[in-house]
């Protein structure tokens, strides 16, 4: 039983945070006497085998975790960041946040710079190649969000299910030709969504999905995508994310196209702005702050146990039907 006891178990028994337990083990001189006594008593009572200073002396804890995101101006990553920061603080950790500006090389450089300052690293929607990710995974402990790589703990949204729900909704309304406004080249999530489109179309031969290409995952990307969609016979547009979808809505409006009377639009993520525009955007919701919170829990588990990987279930998603979708015009 003793071997299965974790730092989190000790923290719960002593009514302190996991970070406080780590400080007792690595830097006991900075912990209040009463708190230290409670932690040491819990360690002895539970038989925690990692409880000696010598066992952890090879790695001094910093009390920090790192988070690298592609673009903090994107509401998706801003919400995930809020979830990470809130959960980290609740556990006694401080989150150092870095923005790679959608640049894979900058992403790797930021991860390298953060290494000596953190106990673990969360890479959200990483754009870098697998080889660079494996380098990052050597030290410190990392967790991937919206990216899967064998041998690395990951948390992800089921992209195939996202596509299935979005296209299923449009098909049920009567749409048989949908245009897909894809995400940036190199996006792992976009590749998974395209595979999801292939799977859905294979199951439903009556449905045609036309790829409009790769677009920057921002409002301006949607402006260009809308023009390309109008050059096809598609009656609906499925966008890589809500920001692209909002750009599509704006461009359609400026060209006098009625939504949803002449063209339906579906986004992905359910950012706050999705319900504020007119018409309100139909989208597939992911609980973004919970994504951030759960990613911190996973990282703490890996740090405390020294374990490699544990199976992770995908985050559940939900279709949110609003006014931007309707039956196609005759």
Protein backbone atom coordinates (compact mmCIF):
# COMPACT_ATOMS: atom_id res chain seq x y z
CA UNK A 1 0.00 0.00 0.00
CA UNK A 2 2.79 2.44 0.88
CA UNK A 3 4.14 2.38 -2.65
CA UNK A 4 0.81 3.59 -4.03
CA UNK A 5 0.62 6.65 -1.75
CA UNK A 6 1.17 9.92 -3.65
CA UNK A 7 2.06 13.44 -2.63
CA UNK A 8 -1.58 14.35 -3.19
CA UNK A 9 -2.64 11.75 -0.60
CA UNK A 10 -0.22 13.24 1.89
CA UNK A 11 -1.46 16.74 1.11
CA UNK A 12 -5.06 15.73 1.70
CA UNK A 13 -4.24 14.05 5.01
CA UNK A 14 -2.29 17.10 6.20
CA UNK A 15 -4.85 19.62 4.85
CA UNK A 16 -2.23 21.39 2.74
CA UNK A 17 -1.48 21.71 -0.98
CA UNK A 18 0.70 19.27 -2.90
CA UNK A 19 3.17 22.11 -3.41
CA UNK A 20 3.48 22.53 0.36
CA UNK A 21 4.29 18.83 0.75
CA UNK A 22 6.98 19.21 -1.92
CA UNK A 23 8.44 22.21 -0.09
CA UNK A 24 8.56 20.26 3.18
CA UNK A 25 10.56 17.56 1.39
CA UNK A 26 12.89 19.83 -0.55
CA UNK A 27 13.11 23.11 1.40
CA UNK A 28 11.79 22.45 4.93
CA UNK A 29 13.42 25.60 6.28
CA UNK A 30 10.90 27.83 4.49
CA UNK A 31 7.81 26.02 5.85
CA UNK A 32 6.10 26.98 9.10
CA UNK A 33 6.91 24.63 11.99
CA UNK A 34 3.29 23.60 12.58
CA UNK A 35 2.64 22.92 8.90
CA UNK A 36 5.85 20.94 8.58
CA UNK A 37 4.90 18.83 11.60
CA UNK A 38 1.49 18.00 10.09
CA UNK A 39 3.02 17.00 6.79
CA UNK A 40 5.69 14.81 8.37
CA UNK A 41 3.05 13.13 10.55
CA UNK A 42 0.93 12.40 7.45
CA UNK A 43 3.97 11.00 5.64
CA UNK A 44 4.71 8.66 8.56
CA UNK A 45 1.09 7.58 9.03
CA UNK A 46 0.54 6.86 5.33
CA UNK A 47 3.94 5.28 4.82
CA UNK A 48 4.77 7.57 1.91
CA UNK A 49 8.01 6.13 0.47
CA UNK A 50 9.02 9.32 -1.29
CA UNK A 51 8.97 11.11 2.02
CA UNK A 52 12.65 11.54 2.63
CA UNK A 53 14.56 14.59 1.53
CA UNK A 54 17.20 12.37 0.00
CA UNK A 55 14.65 10.75 -2.28
CA UNK A 56 13.82 14.01 -3.94
CA UNK A 57 17.01 15.96 -3.48
CA UNK A 58 18.06 15.30 -7.07
CA UNK A 59 15.28 17.60 -8.26
CA UNK A 60 14.62 20.83 -6.39
CA UNK A 61 11.08 22.02 -6.92
CA UNK A 62 10.53 25.53 -8.26
CA UNK A 63 6.84 25.85 -7.42
CA UNK A 64 6.22 26.90 -11.03
CA UNK A 65 4.64 25.25 -14.05
CA UNK A 66 4.93 26.47 -17.62
CA UNK A 67 2.27 26.92 -20.29
CA UNK A 68 3.01 27.56 -23.98
CA UNK A 69 0.11 28.55 -26.23
CA UNK A 70 0.04 29.58 -29.93
CA UNK A 71 -1.87 32.85 -29.53
CA UNK A 72 -3.15 34.53 -26.37
CA UNK A 73 -5.31 36.91 -28.44
CA UNK A 74 -7.35 33.89 -29.51
CA UNK A 75 -10.21 33.55 -26.98
CA UNK A 76 -9.80 29.77 -27.05
CA UNK A 77 -6.29 29.91 -25.63
CA UNK A 78 -7.15 32.77 -23.29
CA UNK A 79 -9.86 30.62 -21.69
CA UNK A 80 -7.59 27.57 -21.42
CA UNK A 81 -4.93 29.81 -19.82
CA UNK A 82 -7.41 31.06 -17.23
CA UNK A 83 -8.23 27.46 -16.35
CA UNK A 84 -4.53 26.61 -16.01
CA UNK A 85 -3.76 29.64 -13.84
CA UNK A 86 -6.72 29.14 -11.52
CA UNK A 87 -5.99 25.45 -10.94
CA UNK A 88 -2.25 26.01 -10.52
CA UNK A 89 -2.84 28.68 -7.87
CA UNK A 90 -5.29 26.41 -6.06
CA UNK A 91 -2.52 23.79 -5.84
CA UNK A 92 0.07 26.29 -4.64
CA UNK A 93 1.83 26.68 -7.99
CA UNK A 94 2.46 29.69 -10.19
CA UNK A 95 1.90 29.43 -13.95
CA UNK A 96 4.44 31.01 -16.30
CA UNK A 97 2.67 31.65 -19.63
CA UNK A 98 4.37 32.09 -23.01
CA UNK A 99 2.85 32.90 -26.44
CA UNK A 100 4.57 31.37 -29.49
CA UNK A 101 2.65 33.51 -32.01
CA UNK A 102 1.79 30.37 -34.04
CA UNK A 103 5.51 29.81 -34.77
CA UNK A 104 6.77 26.21 -34.22
CA UNK A 105 10.39 27.40 -33.88
CA UNK A 106 9.45 30.00 -31.28
CA UNK A 107 7.42 27.32 -29.51
CA UNK A 108 10.45 25.08 -29.12
CA UNK A 109 12.64 27.99 -28.03
CA UNK A 110 10.11 29.03 -25.38
CA UNK A 111 9.88 25.47 -24.06
CA UNK A 112 13.69 25.32 -23.76
CA UNK A 113 13.81 28.68 -21.95
CA UNK A 114 11.12 27.65 -19.50
CA UNK A 115 12.76 24.32 -18.61
CA UNK A 116 15.01 25.49 -15.76
CA UNK A 117 12.25 27.64 -14.27
CA UNK A 118 9.45 25.08 -13.95
CA UNK A 119 8.62 21.67 -12.51
CA UNK A 120 6.49 20.76 -15.52
CA UNK A 121 5.27 22.13 -18.81
CA UNK A 122 1.89 22.20 -20.59
CA UNK A 123 2.06 22.59 -24.37
CA UNK A 124 -1.32 23.62 -25.77
CA UNK A 125 -2.09 22.91 -29.45
CA UNK A 126 1.64 22.53 -30.13
CA UNK A 127 2.64 23.18 -33.76
CA UNK A 128 6.20 21.81 -33.52
CA UNK A 129 7.19 18.48 -35.18
CA UNK A 130 7.05 15.22 -33.21
CA UNK A 131 10.86 15.08 -32.90
CA UNK A 132 10.93 18.46 -31.16
CA UNK A 133 8.09 17.44 -28.87
CA UNK A 134 10.01 14.33 -27.85
CA UNK A 135 12.99 16.53 -27.02
CA UNK A 136 10.76 18.68 -24.80
CA UNK A 137 9.45 15.55 -23.09
CA UNK A 138 12.91 14.56 -21.82
CA UNK A 139 12.92 17.22 -19.08
CA UNK A 140 10.83 18.54 -17.46
CA UNK A 141 7.59 16.55 -17.32
CA UNK A 142 5.18 17.70 -20.02
CA UNK A 143 1.49 17.33 -20.82
CA UNK A 144 0.12 17.93 -24.30
CA UNK A 145 -3.26 19.58 -24.86
CA UNK A 146 -4.98 19.06 -28.23
CA UNK A 147 -2.11 16.94 -29.48
CA UNK A 148 -1.35 13.26 -29.18
CA UNK A 149 2.10 11.69 -29.23
CA UNK A 150 2.99 8.17 -28.16
CA UNK A 151 4.82 8.15 -24.86
CA UNK A 152 3.57 11.57 -23.72
CA UNK A 153 0.56 12.24 -21.49
CA UNK A 154 -2.07 14.13 -23.45
CA UNK A 155 -5.48 15.71 -23.09
CA UNK A 156 -7.52 16.27 -26.22
CA UNK A 157 -10.92 16.97 -27.67
CA UNK A 158 -12.39 14.22 -29.87
CA UNK A 159 -12.14 15.97 -33.24
CA UNK A 160 -13.98 13.22 -35.10
CA UNK A 161 -16.93 13.59 -32.74
CA UNK A 162 -16.84 17.37 -33.23
CA UNK A 163 -17.11 16.89 -36.99
CA UNK A 164 -19.75 14.20 -36.63
CA UNK A 165 -21.98 16.45 -34.55
CA UNK A 166 -21.51 19.51 -36.76
CA UNK A 167 -22.05 17.73 -40.06
CA UNK A 168 -24.84 15.61 -38.58
CA UNK A 169 -26.68 18.80 -37.63
CA UNK A 170 -26.30 20.29 -41.10
CA UNK A 171 -27.31 17.05 -42.80
CA UNK A 172 -30.43 16.80 -40.65
CA UNK A 173 -31.40 20.30 -41.80
CA UNK A 174 -31.14 19.17 -45.42
CA UNK A 175 -27.67 20.37 -46.41
CA UNK A 176 -25.89 18.03 -48.82
CA UNK A 177 -22.92 20.19 -49.82
CA UNK A 178 -20.82 21.75 -47.05
CA UNK A 179 -17.65 23.83 -47.41
CA UNK A 180 -14.91 23.36 -44.79
CA UNK A 181 -12.80 26.42 -43.91
CA UNK A 182 -9.74 24.69 -42.47
CA UNK A 183 -7.22 25.77 -39.87
CA UNK A 184 -3.55 26.66 -40.27
CA UNK A 185 -1.10 24.37 -42.02
CA UNK A 186 0.68 22.26 -39.40
CA UNK A 187 -2.25 22.23 -36.98
CA UNK A 188 -2.70 18.77 -35.46
CA UNK A 189 -6.34 19.51 -34.65
CA UNK A 190 -7.04 20.52 -38.26
CA UNK A 191 -5.54 17.25 -39.52
CA UNK A 192 -7.73 15.30 -37.13
CA UNK A 193 -10.82 17.22 -38.23
CA UNK A 194 -10.08 16.54 -41.87
CA UNK A 195 -9.78 12.83 -41.03
CA UNK A 196 -13.12 13.15 -39.26
CA UNK A 197 -14.65 14.67 -42.39
CA UNK A 198 -13.36 11.76 -44.45
CA UNK A 199 -14.88 9.29 -41.99
CA UNK A 200 -18.28 10.99 -41.95
CA UNK A 201 -18.44 11.32 -45.73
CA UNK A 202 -17.52 7.65 -46.10
CA UNK A 203 -20.46 6.77 -43.87
CA UNK A 204 -22.82 9.16 -45.71
CA UNK A 205 -22.17 9.17 -49.49
CA UNK A 206 -25.03 11.66 -50.04
CA UNK A 207 -22.95 14.32 -48.27
CA UNK A 208 -20.22 16.29 -50.06
CA UNK A 209 -17.65 18.35 -48.16
CA UNK A 210 -15.42 20.71 -50.13
CA UNK A 211 -12.19 21.93 -48.57
CA UNK A 212 -11.68 25.65 -49.07
CA UNK A 213 -8.05 25.44 -47.96
CA UNK A 214 -6.02 26.42 -44.91
CA UNK A 215 -6.73 29.72 -43.15
CA UNK A 216 -5.23 31.66 -40.27
CA UNK A 217 -7.36 30.79 -37.20
CA UNK A 218 -8.47 34.41 -36.79
CA UNK A 219 -11.34 36.68 -37.89
CA UNK A 220 -9.57 37.80 -41.09
CA UNK A 221 -9.13 34.18 -42.14
CA UNK A 222 -12.90 33.87 -42.28
CA UNK A 223 -13.27 36.86 -44.61
CA UNK A 224 -11.28 35.08 -47.30
CA UNK A 225 -12.97 31.75 -46.61
CA UNK A 226 -16.43 33.23 -47.16
CA UNK A 227 -15.57 34.46 -50.64
CA UNK A 228 -14.27 31.03 -51.57
CA UNK A 229 -17.36 29.34 -50.16
CA UNK A 230 -19.61 31.54 -52.31
CA UNK A 231 -17.69 30.38 -55.38
CA UNK A 232 -18.94 26.83 -54.73
CA UNK A 233 -22.43 25.33 -54.65
CA UNK A 234 -22.19 24.71 -50.90
CA UNK A 235 -25.19 25.72 -48.80
CA UNK A 236 -23.29 25.69 -45.51
CA UNK A 237 -19.83 26.47 -44.12
CA UNK A 238 -18.15 24.55 -41.30
CA UNK A 239 -15.22 26.55 -39.90
CA UNK A 240 -12.12 25.28 -38.08
CA UNK A 241 -12.93 27.55 -35.15
CA UNK A 242 -15.35 30.26 -34.06
CA UNK A 243 -13.04 33.12 -35.03
CA UNK A 244 -12.97 31.97 -38.66
CA UNK A 245 -16.73 31.41 -38.51
CA UNK A 246 -17.28 34.96 -37.22
CA UNK A 247 -15.22 36.29 -40.13
CA UNK A 248 -17.36 34.23 -42.51
CA UNK A 249 -20.55 35.71 -41.02
CA UNK A 250 -19.22 39.24 -41.36
CA UNK A 251 -18.17 38.78 -44.98
CA UNK A 252 -21.44 37.13 -45.96
CA UNK A 253 -23.33 40.02 -44.41
CA UNK A 254 -21.24 42.58 -46.29
CA UNK A 255 -21.99 40.77 -49.56
CA UNK A 256 -25.70 40.72 -48.89
CA UNK A 257 -25.94 36.98 -48.28
CA UNK A 258 -28.67 36.01 -45.84
CA UNK A 259 -27.63 33.72 -42.98
CA UNK A 260 -29.09 31.17 -42.57
CA UNK A 261 -31.55 31.74 -45.46
CA UNK A 262 -28.92 31.43 -48.19
CA UNK A 263 -25.94 30.03 -46.26
CA UNK A 264 -25.64 28.31 -42.88
CA UNK A 265 -22.50 28.69 -40.76
CA UNK A 266 -21.12 26.47 -37.98
CA UNK A 267 -18.09 27.16 -35.79
CA UNK A 268 -16.13 25.16 -33.21
CA UNK A 269 -15.22 26.08 -29.58
CA UNK A 270 -18.15 28.28 -28.39
CA UNK A 271 -16.10 31.33 -27.42
CA UNK A 272 -18.01 34.14 -25.68
CA UNK A 273 -18.46 36.15 -28.88
CA UNK A 274 -20.31 33.27 -30.56
CA UNK A 275 -23.53 34.13 -28.73
CA UNK A 276 -23.12 37.90 -29.05
CA UNK A 277 -23.16 38.28 -32.85
CA UNK A 278 -26.23 38.43 -35.07
CA UNK A 279 -27.21 35.85 -36.06
CA UNK A 280 -25.83 33.99 -33.04
CA UNK A 281 -23.38 31.31 -34.09
CA UNK A 282 -24.16 27.61 -34.03
CA UNK A 283 -21.03 25.90 -32.73
CA UNK A 284 -19.60 22.83 -31.02
CA UNK A 285 -18.73 23.64 -27.42
CA UNK A 286 -15.63 22.51 -25.57
CA UNK A 287 -15.35 23.38 -21.84
CA UNK A 288 -12.20 25.44 -22.28
CA UNK A 289 -11.46 26.40 -18.68
CA UNK A 290 -11.98 22.78 -17.65
CA UNK A 291 -9.45 21.76 -20.32
CA UNK A 292 -6.92 24.02 -18.59
CA UNK A 293 -7.82 22.78 -15.12
CA UNK A 294 -7.64 19.09 -16.04
CA UNK A 295 -4.32 19.58 -17.82
CA UNK A 296 -2.84 20.93 -14.57
CA UNK A 297 -4.19 17.93 -12.63
CA UNK A 298 -2.56 15.59 -15.13
CA UNK A 299 0.73 17.44 -14.91
CA UNK A 300 0.69 17.31 -11.10
CA UNK A 301 0.01 13.56 -11.19
CA UNK A 302 2.99 13.05 -13.50
CA UNK A 303 5.27 15.25 -11.40
CA UNK A 304 4.33 13.60 -8.14
CA UNK A 305 4.43 10.00 -9.32
CA UNK A 306 7.31 10.29 -11.77
CA UNK A 307 5.10 8.16 -14.03
CA UNK A 308 5.35 8.22 -17.79
CA UNK A 309 1.90 8.10 -19.31
CA UNK A 310 -1.59 7.27 -18.18
CA UNK A 311 -4.64 6.81 -20.43
CA UNK A 312 -6.60 10.01 -20.84
CA UNK A 313 -10.21 10.25 -21.94
CA UNK A 314 -11.03 13.01 -24.44
CA UNK A 315 -12.85 16.07 -23.14
CA UNK A 316 -16.59 15.86 -23.81
CA UNK A 317 -18.08 18.27 -26.34
CA UNK A 318 -21.61 19.51 -27.07
CA UNK A 319 -23.39 20.92 -30.13
CA UNK A 320 -24.94 24.34 -29.41
CA UNK A 321 -27.62 25.21 -31.97
CA UNK A 322 -28.20 28.93 -32.55
CA UNK A 323 -29.54 31.16 -35.31
CA UNK A 324 -26.73 30.81 -37.91
CA UNK A 325 -28.03 27.47 -39.19
CA UNK A 326 -31.29 26.59 -40.88
CA UNK A 327 -32.76 24.58 -43.73
CA UNK A 328 -31.19 25.30 -47.14
CA UNK A 329 -33.02 27.50 -49.64
CA UNK A 330 -35.00 25.60 -52.28
